[in-house]
Amino acid sequence: MSNSIIREVRLIREQHAASFDFDLDRIFSDLQSRQKQHEAEGWKIISAPASSPPVSNIALQRIRFAHR
């Protein structure tokens, strides 16, 4: 991404937060209501992917200690 895009996104985010006096509860409530509105308009809402489970390093430990 170019710096101009990042600057623009940050500016929009800052303006949005400022319109709610940087109150996280009000910002979150606004975002939730916008999401409900978009769903009602037929937009497809995609959930964030679940974080993957931590990778076990047992196999690496076996290799590391196998040659001793």
Protein backbone atom coordinates (compact mmCIF):
# COMPACT_ATOMS: atom_id res chain seq x y z
CA MET A 1 0.00 0.00 0.00
CA SER A 2 1.17 3.47 -0.69
CA ASN A 3 1.70 6.01 2.02
CA SER A 4 -1.05 8.22 0.59
CA ILE A 5 -3.61 5.44 1.04
CA ILE A 6 -2.48 4.79 4.60
CA ARG A 7 -2.62 8.52 5.39
CA GLU A 8 -6.13 8.75 3.94
CA VAL A 9 -7.40 5.76 5.92
CA ARG A 10 -5.88 7.13 9.13
CA LEU A 11 -7.41 10.55 8.49
CA ILE A 12 -10.87 9.05 7.96
CA ARG A 13 -10.49 6.93 11.10
CA GLU A 14 -9.37 9.99 13.09
CA GLN A 15 -12.33 12.05 11.82
CA HIS A 16 -14.76 9.27 12.67
CA ALA A 17 -13.36 8.95 16.20
CA ALA A 18 -13.39 12.73 16.67
CA SER A 19 -17.08 12.87 15.70
CA PHE A 20 -17.76 10.73 18.80
CA ASP A 21 -15.31 12.64 21.06
CA PHE A 22 -13.03 9.58 20.97
CA ASP A 23 -15.55 7.67 23.15
CA LEU A 24 -14.90 3.99 22.38
CA ASP A 25 -18.37 2.89 23.48
CA ARG A 26 -20.03 5.35 21.10
CA ILE A 27 -17.64 4.48 18.25
CA PHE A 28 -18.30 0.75 18.73
CA SER A 29 -22.05 1.32 18.90
CA ASP A 30 -21.92 3.29 15.64
CA LEU A 31 -19.91 0.57 13.91
CA GLN A 32 -22.37 -2.08 15.10
CA SER A 33 -25.36 -0.09 13.84
CA ARG A 34 -23.64 0.45 10.48
CA GLN A 35 -22.99 -3.28 10.23
CA LYS A 36 -26.66 -4.05 10.93
CA GLN A 37 -27.68 -1.49 8.32
CA HIS A 38 -25.35 -3.02 5.74
CA GLU A 39 -26.67 -6.52 6.51
CA ALA A 40 -30.24 -5.25 6.03
CA GLU A 41 -29.17 -3.81 2.67
CA GLY A 42 -27.91 -7.24 1.62
CA TRP A 43 -24.18 -6.77 2.13
CA LYS A 44 -22.34 -9.96 2.95
CA ILE A 45 -20.57 -9.68 6.31
CA ILE A 46 -17.51 -11.90 6.64
CA SER A 47 -16.38 -12.87 10.12
CA ALA A 48 -12.74 -12.58 11.04
CA PRO A 49 -10.99 -15.94 10.82
CA ALA A 50 -10.42 -17.75 14.08
CA SER A 51 -6.84 -17.65 15.18
CA SER A 52 -5.01 -20.85 14.46
CA PRO A 53 -3.88 -23.00 17.38
CA PRO A 54 -0.27 -22.61 18.43
CA VAL A 55 2.11 -24.83 16.53
CA SER A 56 3.73 -27.44 18.69
CA ASN A 57 7.48 -27.65 18.48
CA ILE A 58 7.64 -31.28 19.68
CA ALA A 59 8.80 -32.44 16.24
CA LEU A 60 11.57 -29.86 16.26
CA GLN A 61 12.62 -30.91 19.75
CA ARG A 62 12.79 -34.55 18.64
CA ILE A 63 15.08 -33.62 15.77
CA ARG A 64 17.21 -31.40 17.98
CA PHE A 65 17.81 -34.05 20.61
CA ALA A 66 17.86 -37.10 18.32
CA HIS A 67 21.54 -36.77 17.46
CA ARG A 68 22.91 -36.62 21.01
